C-alpha atoms as a PDB file:
ATOM      1  CA  MET A   1    -100.793  37.160 -23.080  1.00  0.00           C
ATOM      2  CA  SER A   2    -101.994  40.743 -23.515  1.00  0.00           C
ATOM      3  CA  VAL A   3     -99.734  43.776 -23.544  1.00  0.00           C
ATOM      4  CA  GLU A   4    -101.510  45.043 -20.412  1.00  0.00           C
ATOM      5  CA  VAL A   5    -100.632  41.876 -18.474  1.00  0.00           C
ATOM      6  CA  ILE A   6     -97.006  42.112 -19.565  1.00  0.00           C
ATOM      7  CA  LYS A   7     -96.871  45.724 -18.362  1.00  0.00           C
ATOM      8  CA  ASN A   8     -98.374  44.781 -15.012  1.00  0.00           C
ATOM      9  CA  ASP A   9     -95.937  41.891 -14.592  1.00  0.00           C
ATOM     10  CA  ASN A  10     -92.999  44.137 -15.436  1.00  0.00           C
ATOM     11  CA  PHE A  11     -94.192  46.788 -13.000  1.00  0.00           C
ATOM     12  CA  LYS A  12     -94.560  44.165 -10.264  1.00  0.00           C
ATOM     13  CA  TYR A  13     -91.051  42.828 -10.960  1.00  0.00           C
ATOM     14  CA  PHE A  14     -89.414  46.272 -10.885  1.00  0.00           C
ATOM     15  CA  LEU A  15     -91.379  47.250  -7.778  1.00  0.00           C
ATOM     16  CA  GLU A  16     -90.124  44.126  -5.960  1.00  0.00           C
ATOM     17  CA  GLU A  17     -86.576  44.823  -7.142  1.00  0.00           C
ATOM     18  CA  TYR A  18     -86.780  48.421  -5.937  1.00  0.00           C
ATOM     19  CA  ILE A  19     -88.029  47.360  -2.484  1.00  0.00           C
ATOM     20  CA  ILE A  20     -85.344  44.699  -2.093  1.00  0.00           C
ATOM     21  CA  MET A  21     -82.541  46.972  -3.263  1.00  0.00           C
ATOM     22  CA  ASN A  22     -83.566  49.908  -1.060  1.00  0.00           C
ATOM     23  CA  ASP A  23     -84.764  48.201   2.103  1.00  0.00           C
ATOM     24  CA  THR A  24     -81.422  47.525   3.802  1.00  0.00           C
ATOM     25  CA  GLU A  25     -82.370  47.788   7.482  1.00  0.00           C
ATOM     26  CA  TRP A  26     -82.812  44.012   7.724  1.00  0.00           C
ATOM     27  CA  LEU A  27     -79.131  43.604   6.897  1.00  0.00           C
ATOM     28  CA  LYS A  28     -78.197  45.295  10.170  1.00  0.00           C
ATOM     29  CA  LYS A  29     -80.234  43.037  12.464  1.00  0.00           C
ATOM     30  CA  HIS A  30     -77.452  40.439  12.731  1.00  0.00           C
ATOM     31  CA  PRO A  31     -73.639  40.771  12.817  1.00  0.00           C
ATOM     32  CA  THR A  32     -73.287  38.553   9.750  1.00  0.00           C
ATOM     33  CA  ILE A  33     -75.562  37.567   6.906  1.00  0.00           C
ATOM     34  CA  ARG A  34     -75.114  34.622   4.568  1.00  0.00           C
ATOM     35  CA  LEU A  35     -75.795  34.516   0.867  1.00  0.00           C
ATOM     36  CA  ALA A  36     -78.413  31.850   1.636  1.00  0.00           C
ATOM     37  CA  ASP A  37     -80.227  34.388   3.864  1.00  0.00           C
ATOM     38  CA  ILE A  38     -80.274  36.921   1.035  1.00  0.00           C
ATOM     39  CA  GLU A  39     -81.433  34.232  -1.392  1.00  0.00           C
ATOM     40  CA  ARG A  40     -84.427  33.398   0.808  1.00  0.00           C
ATOM     41  CA  ARG A  41     -85.470  37.038   0.635  1.00  0.00           C
ATOM     42  CA  CYS A  42     -84.737  37.534  -3.062  1.00  0.00           C
ATOM     43  CA  LYS A  43     -86.027  34.060  -4.045  1.00  0.00           C
ATOM     44  CA  SER A  44     -83.221  33.710  -6.580  1.00  0.00           C
ATOM     45  CA  HIS A  45     -79.588  32.634  -6.191  1.00  0.00           C
ATOM     46  CA  ASN A  46     -78.357  34.803  -9.051  1.00  0.00           C
ATOM     47  CA  TYR A  47     -80.322  37.812  -7.836  1.00  0.00           C
ATOM     48  CA  ALA A  48     -78.968  37.290  -4.312  1.00  0.00           C
ATOM     49  CA  LYS A  49     -75.398  37.426  -5.669  1.00  0.00           C
ATOM     50  CA  LEU A  50     -76.269  40.589  -7.614  1.00  0.00           C
ATOM     51  CA  PHE A  51     -77.796  42.149  -4.510  1.00  0.00           C
ATOM     52  CA  ALA A  52     -74.717  41.336  -2.410  1.00  0.00           C
ATOM     53  CA  HIS A  53     -72.455  42.776  -5.121  1.00  0.00           C
ATOM     54  CA  ARG A  54     -74.443  46.012  -5.309  1.00  0.00           C
ATOM     55  CA  MET A  55     -74.555  46.384  -1.538  1.00  0.00           C
ATOM     56  CA  GLN A  56     -70.762  45.993  -1.416  1.00  0.00           C
ATOM     57  CA  LYS A  57     -70.324  48.667  -4.077  1.00  0.00           C
ATOM     58  CA  LYS A  58     -72.530  50.991  -2.017  1.00  0.00           C
ATOM     59  CA  GLY A  59     -70.457  50.279   1.069  1.00  0.00           C
ATOM     60  CA  ILE A  60     -73.435  48.840   2.955  1.00  0.00           C
ATOM     61  CA  LEU A  61     -72.158  45.253   3.017  1.00  0.00           C
ATOM     62  CA  HIS A  62     -68.592  44.063   3.561  1.00  0.00           C
ATOM     63  CA  LYS A  63     -67.397  40.589   2.699  1.00  0.00           C
ATOM     64  CA  ALA A  64     -66.299  38.669   5.787  1.00  0.00           C
ATOM     65  CA  ALA A  65     -65.727  35.244   4.219  1.00  0.00           C
ATOM     66  CA  ARG A  66     -66.902  33.249   1.243  1.00  0.00           C
ATOM     67  CA  GLY A  67     -70.678  33.623   1.092  1.00  0.00           C
ATOM     68  CA  ILE A  68     -70.727  35.626   4.351  1.00  0.00           C
ATOM     69  CA  TYR A  69     -71.221  39.376   4.585  1.00  0.00           C
ATOM     70  CA  SER A  70     -71.706  42.008   7.267  1.00  0.00           C
ATOM     71  CA  ALA A  71     -73.207  45.461   7.603  1.00  0.00           C
ATOM     72  CA  SER A  72     -71.674  45.804  11.080  1.00  0.00           C
ATOM     73  CA  GLU A  73     -68.620  47.841  12.070  1.00  0.00           C
ATOM     74  CA  GLU A  74     -68.115  45.735  15.218  1.00  0.00           C
ATOM     75  CA  VAL A  75     -65.270  43.375  14.369  1.00  0.00           C
ATOM     76  CA  PHE A  76     -65.655  41.200  17.504  1.00  0.00           C
ATOM     77  CA  ALA A  77     -69.333  40.575  16.762  1.00  0.00           C
ATOM     78  CA  VAL A  78     -68.567  39.770  13.142  1.00  0.00           C
ATOM     79  CA  ALA A  79     -65.623  37.510  14.012  1.00  0.00           C
ATOM     80  CA  SER A  80     -67.628  35.423  16.484  1.00  0.00           C
ATOM     81  CA  ASN A  81     -70.563  35.006  14.088  1.00  0.00           C
ATOM     82  CA  ILE A  82     -68.737  33.637  11.043  1.00  0.00           C
ATOM     83  CA  HIS A  83     -68.501  29.999  12.180  1.00  0.00           C
ATOM     84  CA  TYR A  84     -70.649  28.155  14.707  1.00  0.00           C
ATOM     85  CA  PRO A  85     -69.919  27.387  17.447  1.00  0.00           C
ATOM     86  CA  SER A  86     -67.222  29.938  18.187  1.00  0.00           C
ATOM     87  CA  TYR A  87     -66.463  32.755  20.611  1.00  0.00           C
ATOM     88  CA  VAL A  88     -63.953  35.512  21.363  1.00  0.00           C
ATOM     89  CA  SER A  89     -61.303  34.348  23.819  1.00  0.00           C
ATOM     90  CA  PHE A  90     -57.626  34.658  24.782  1.00  0.00           C
ATOM     91  CA  LEU A  91     -55.961  38.080  24.437  1.00  0.00           C
ATOM     92  CA  SER A  92     -58.959  39.456  22.514  1.00  0.00           C
ATOM     93  CA  ALA A  93     -61.328  38.594  25.372  1.00  0.00           C
ATOM     94  CA  SER A  94     -58.846  40.004  27.880  1.00  0.00           C
ATOM     95  CA  TYR A  95     -58.973  43.272  25.934  1.00  0.00           C
ATOM     96  CA  LEU A  96     -62.774  43.329  25.960  1.00  0.00           C
ATOM     97  CA  TYR A  97     -62.763  42.750  29.717  1.00  0.00           C
ATOM     98  CA  GLY A  98     -60.244  45.583  30.112  1.00  0.00           C
ATOM     99  CA  PHE A  99     -57.249  43.602  31.375  1.00  0.00           C
ATOM    100  CA  THR A 100     -54.714  44.442  28.714  1.00  0.00           C
ATOM    101  CA  GLU A 101     -53.553  47.763  27.352  1.00  0.00           C
ATOM    102  CA  THR A 102     -52.596  46.058  24.109  1.00  0.00           C
ATOM    103  CA  ILE A 103     -55.066  46.853  21.333  1.00  0.00           C
ATOM    104  CA  PRO A 104     -55.161  43.561  19.432  1.00  0.00           C
ATOM    105  CA  ARG A 105     -55.024  43.721  15.638  1.00  0.00           C
ATOM    106  CA  ILE A 106     -55.494  39.958  15.681  1.00  0.00           C
ATOM    107  CA  VAL A 107     -58.935  38.844  16.870  1.00  0.00           C
ATOM    108  CA  SER A 108     -58.617  35.343  18.322  1.00  0.00           C
ATOM    109  CA  ILE A 109     -61.668  33.114  18.053  1.00  0.00           C
ATOM    110  CA  ALA A 110     -62.053  29.704  19.699  1.00  0.00           C
ATOM    111  CA  ALA A 111     -63.619  27.424  17.094  1.00  0.00           C
ATOM    112  CA  ALA A 112     -64.171  23.774  16.234  1.00  0.00           C
ATOM    113  CA  LYS A 113     -61.666  23.913  13.358  1.00  0.00           C
ATOM    114  CA  LYS A 114     -58.586  25.894  12.446  1.00  0.00           C
ATOM    115  CA  TYR A 115     -60.229  27.877   9.657  1.00  0.00           C
ATOM    116  CA  SER A 116     -58.228  30.117   7.355  1.00  0.00           C
ATOM    117  CA  LYS A 117     -57.423  33.595   8.635  1.00  0.00           C
ATOM    118  CA  ILE A 118     -59.687  36.413   7.506  1.00  0.00           C
ATOM    119  CA  GLU A 119     -58.805  40.060   6.926  1.00  0.00           C
ATOM    120  CA  PHE A 120     -61.658  42.353   7.931  1.00  0.00           C
ATOM    121  CA  LYS A 121     -61.543  46.144   8.320  1.00  0.00           C
ATOM    122  CA  GLY A 122     -57.867  46.250   9.239  1.00  0.00           C
ATOM    123  CA  TYR A 123     -58.052  43.287  11.616  1.00  0.00           C
ATOM    124  CA  THR A 124     -56.869  39.728  11.179  1.00  0.00           C
ATOM    125  CA  ILE A 125     -59.372  37.186  12.450  1.00  0.00           C
ATOM    126  CA  GLU A 126     -57.733  33.914  13.444  1.00  0.00           C
ATOM    127  CA  PHE A 127     -59.510  30.751  14.492  1.00  0.00           C
ATOM    128  CA  VAL A 128     -57.944  28.669  17.260  1.00  0.00           C
ATOM    129  CA  ARG A 129     -59.015  25.038  17.170  1.00  0.00           C
ATOM    130  CA  MET A 130     -60.475  23.835  20.461  1.00  0.00           C
ATOM    131  CA  LYS A 131     -62.651  20.943  21.547  1.00  0.00           C
ATOM    132  CA  GLU A 132     -63.750  22.722  24.736  1.00  0.00           C
ATOM    133  CA  LEU A 133     -66.348  24.920  23.021  1.00  0.00           C
ATOM    134  CA  TRP A 134     -68.488  25.884  25.993  1.00  0.00           C
ATOM    135  CA  GLY A 135     -68.421  28.473  28.750  1.00  0.00           C
ATOM    136  CA  TYR A 136     -69.268  31.528  26.658  1.00  0.00           C
ATOM    137  CA  LYS A 137     -72.077  34.069  26.522  1.00  0.00           C
ATOM    138  CA  ASN A 138     -73.745  36.456  24.094  1.00  0.00           C
ATOM    139  CA  GLU A 139     -72.864  40.063  24.904  1.00  0.00           C
ATOM    140  CA  ASN A 140     -74.781  42.324  22.499  1.00  0.00           C
ATOM    141  CA  GLY A 141     -74.103  40.041  19.560  1.00  0.00           C
ATOM    142  CA  VAL A 142     -70.539  39.171  20.594  1.00  0.00           C
ATOM    143  CA  PHE A 143     -70.017  35.556  21.630  1.00  0.00           C
ATOM    144  CA  LEU A 144     -67.511  36.016  24.449  1.00  0.00           C
ATOM    145  CA  ALA A 145     -65.732  33.637  26.839  1.00  0.00           C
ATOM    146  CA  GLU A 146     -67.084  33.766  30.365  1.00  0.00           C
ATOM    147  CA  PRO A 147     -64.467  34.974  32.893  1.00  0.00           C
ATOM    148  CA  GLU A 148     -64.077  31.485  34.370  1.00  0.00           C
ATOM    149  CA  LYS A 149     -63.586  29.891  30.949  1.00  0.00           C
ATOM    150  CA  LEU A 150     -61.137  32.598  29.900  1.00  0.00           C
ATOM    151  CA  LEU A 151     -58.829  31.655  32.792  1.00  0.00           C
ATOM    152  CA  ILE A 152     -58.901  28.053  31.577  1.00  0.00           C
ATOM    153  CA  ASP A 153     -58.511  28.958  27.895  1.00  0.00           C
ATOM    154  CA  ALA A 154     -55.416  30.992  28.773  1.00  0.00           C
ATOM    155  CA  PHE A 155     -53.649  27.770  29.770  1.00  0.00           C
ATOM    156  CA  LEU A 156     -55.296  25.548  27.155  1.00  0.00           C
ATOM    157  CA  LYS A 157     -53.903  27.711  24.328  1.00  0.00           C
ATOM    158  CA  PRO A 158     -51.343  30.024  25.974  1.00  0.00           C
ATOM    159  CA  LYS A 159     -49.713  31.140  22.718  1.00  0.00           C
ATOM    160  CA  SER A 160     -52.954  32.942  21.852  1.00  0.00           C
ATOM    161  CA  MET A 161     -52.438  35.057  24.991  1.00  0.00           C
ATOM    162  CA  GLY A 162     -49.212  36.472  23.544  1.00  0.00           C
ATOM    163  CA  ASN A 163     -46.999  36.094  26.615  1.00  0.00           C
ATOM    164  CA  PHE A 164     -47.098  35.004  30.257  1.00  0.00           C
ATOM    165  CA  GLU A 165     -47.444  38.583  31.505  1.00  0.00           C
ATOM    166  CA  GLU A 166     -50.881  38.761  29.860  1.00  0.00           C
ATOM    167  CA  ILE A 167     -51.928  35.598  31.710  1.00  0.00           C
ATOM    168  CA  GLU A 168     -50.684  37.125  34.976  1.00  0.00           C
ATOM    169  CA  ARG A 169     -52.819  40.220  34.324  1.00  0.00           C
ATOM    170  CA  LEU A 170     -55.922  38.080  33.970  1.00  0.00           C
ATOM    171  CA  PHE A 171     -55.475  36.364  37.312  1.00  0.00           C
ATOM    172  CA  GLY A 172     -54.187  39.462  39.077  1.00  0.00           C
ATOM    173  CA  GLY A 173     -56.885  41.808  37.798  1.00  0.00           C
ATOM    174  CA  SER A 174     -60.349  42.584  39.123  1.00  0.00           C
ATOM    175  CA  LEU A 175     -62.119  40.100  36.867  1.00  0.00           C
ATOM    176  CA  GLU A 176     -65.108  38.817  38.852  1.00  0.00           C
ATOM    177  CA  ILE A 177     -64.886  35.049  39.209  1.00  0.00           C
ATOM    178  CA  ASN A 178     -67.503  32.544  40.329  1.00  0.00           C
ATOM    179  CA  ALA A 179     -65.315  30.008  42.155  1.00  0.00           C
ATOM    180  CA  GLU A 180     -67.900  27.215  42.018  1.00  0.00           C
ATOM    181  CA  LYS A 181     -68.430  27.670  38.297  1.00  0.00           C
ATOM    182  CA  LEU A 182     -64.668  27.654  37.759  1.00  0.00           C
ATOM    183  CA  LYS A 183     -64.372  24.373  39.669  1.00  0.00           C
ATOM    184  CA  THR A 184     -67.117  22.851  37.521  1.00  0.00           C
ATOM    185  CA  TYR A 185     -65.362  24.026  34.357  1.00  0.00           C
ATOM    186  CA  LEU A 186     -62.014  22.645  35.514  1.00  0.00           C
ATOM    187  CA  LYS A 187     -63.563  19.229  36.127  1.00  0.00           C
ATOM    188  CA  LYS A 188     -65.210  19.374  32.716  1.00  0.00           C
ATOM    189  CA  THR A 189     -61.907  20.298  31.061  1.00  0.00           C
ATOM    190  CA  ASN A 190     -60.293  17.295  32.780  1.00  0.00           C
ATOM    191  CA  SER A 191     -56.715  18.462  32.231  1.00  0.00           C
ATOM    192  CA  ASP A 192     -54.291  17.842  35.088  1.00  0.00           C
ATOM    193  CA  ARG A 193     -51.833  20.424  33.739  1.00  0.00           C
ATOM    194  CA  VAL A 194     -54.462  23.156  33.318  1.00  0.00           C
ATOM    195  CA  TYR A 195     -55.957  22.399  36.739  1.00  0.00           C
ATOM    196  CA  ARG A 196     -52.582  22.797  38.441  1.00  0.00           C
ATOM    197  CA  CYS A 197     -51.683  26.000  36.599  1.00  0.00           C
ATOM    198  CA  VAL A 198     -55.066  27.620  37.259  1.00  0.00           C
ATOM    199  CA  GLY A 199     -55.004  26.425  40.874  1.00  0.00           C
ATOM    200  CA  TYR A 200     -51.543  27.845  41.501  1.00  0.00           C
ATOM    201  CA  MET A 201     -52.446  31.199  39.931  1.00  0.00           C
ATOM    202  CA  LEU A 202     -55.698  31.448  41.896  1.00  0.00           C
ATOM    203  CA  GLU A 203     -53.840  30.815  45.132  1.00  0.00           C
ATOM    204  CA  LYS A 204     -51.061  33.245  44.265  1.00  0.00           C
ATOM    205  CA  HIS A 205     -53.216  36.148  43.040  1.00  0.00           C
ATOM    206  CA  ARG A 206     -56.590  35.657  44.742  1.00  0.00           C
ATOM    207  CA  LYS A 207     -55.851  33.539  47.841  1.00  0.00           C
ATOM    208  CA  ILE A 208     -58.317  30.893  46.589  1.00  0.00           C
ATOM    209  CA  ASP A 209     -57.295  27.310  47.382  1.00  0.00           C
ATOM    210  CA  ILE A 210     -58.814  24.610  45.162  1.00  0.00           C
ATOM    211  CA  SER A 211     -56.109  22.003  45.806  1.00  0.00           C
ATOM    212  CA  ARG A 212     -58.613  19.366  46.975  1.00  0.00           C
ATOM    213  CA  LEU A 213     -60.711  19.540  43.816  1.00  0.00           C
ATOM    214  CA  MET A 214     -58.751  16.939  41.826  1.00  0.00           C
ATOM    215  CA  ARG A 215     -55.931  14.484  42.406  1.00  0.00           C
ATOM    216  CA  ILE A 216     -52.433  15.486  41.354  1.00  0.00           C
ATOM    217  CA  ASP A 217     -50.030  12.876  40.008  1.00  0.00           C
ATOM    218  CA  ARG A 218     -46.254  12.843  40.607  1.00  0.00           C
ATOM    219  CA  ASN A 219     -45.258  14.521  37.343  1.00  0.00           C
ATOM    220  CA  TYR A 220     -44.104  18.136  37.225  1.00  0.00           C
ATOM    221  CA  TYR A 221     -45.371  20.643  34.638  1.00  0.00           C
ATOM    222  CA  GLU A 222     -44.136  24.062  33.561  1.00  0.00           C
ATOM    223  CA  LEU A 223     -46.271  26.921  34.848  1.00  0.00           C
ATOM    224  CA  ASN A 224     -44.952  29.351  32.262  1.00  0.00           C
ATOM    225  CA  PRO A 225     -45.379  27.811  28.792  1.00  0.00           C
ATOM    226  CA  PHE A 226     -43.058  30.429  27.300  1.00  0.00           C
ATOM    227  CA  GLU A 227     -39.951  29.600  29.373  1.00  0.00           C
ATOM    228  CA  SER A 228     -38.722  27.026  31.888  1.00  0.00           C
ATOM    229  CA  GLY A 229     -39.137  27.845  35.561  1.00  0.00           C
ATOM    230  CA  ALA A 230     -36.111  27.920  37.865  1.00  0.00           C
ATOM    231  CA  GLY A 231     -38.056  27.051  41.009  1.00  0.00           C
ATOM    232  CA  ILE A 232     -40.320  24.246  42.195  1.00  0.00           C
ATOM    233  CA  ASN A 233     -43.748  24.392  43.817  1.00  0.00           C
ATOM    234  CA  ARG A 234     -44.265  21.041  45.503  1.00  0.00           C
ATOM    235  CA  LYS A 235     -47.892  21.575  46.437  1.00  0.00           C
ATOM    236  CA  TRP A 236     -48.961  21.972  42.804  1.00  0.00           C
ATOM    237  CA  ARG A 237     -45.988  20.062  41.372  1.00  0.00           C
ATOM    238  CA  LEU A 238     -45.093  22.903  39.050  1.00  0.00           C
ATOM    239  CA  LYS A 239     -41.847  24.362  37.776  1.00  0.00           C
ATOM    240  CA  VAL A 240     -42.209  28.037  38.555  1.00  0.00           C
END
């Protein structure tokens, strides 16, 4: 091989490296980027790791999880794009919809598994294991529970709402609800306890009666999962 060819090859290599290292706009197109995505662009696993390392040192990329990075400052978008499928729900979703004054430092994500917690930009991202992974939408890169699903999620995993007062705020607020969609989601959830709790709260706060949607057995459930109720609601067979 001639010296001239070697020079040309070296120039081509350093030109490609310069372009890759300085063209960072593509990193901002998605809330998260995986090492595999970088590798496809760099065409080398080792070079992809070097690129990610350099971008972190420059403050362009931030590590979200093992092999997952982000150039975004939007924690809710990042949190809901780390594992698939997943979406923002519970108290975090209530905050995004404007129904809690509490600024959550814990971002709660409904996911297929209970993944390890992640610390990201001063927030703790926690993953709440759920099998009912549907009823969410994409809002500018944030996978977010639909209002109807959020009401159901609040009783599926009430501890992730923080307390019963936060659940009351959801039902008592101005959150726009599609009653027919909610009925469909309740049937799909197929939980007698959740159906009764949601039904009672809808009737109490919104004067919506869905008592004929599903059969109710003779057992009594607690409405408030945080403390035992002193009263009885016979229609919904709940301890209130």
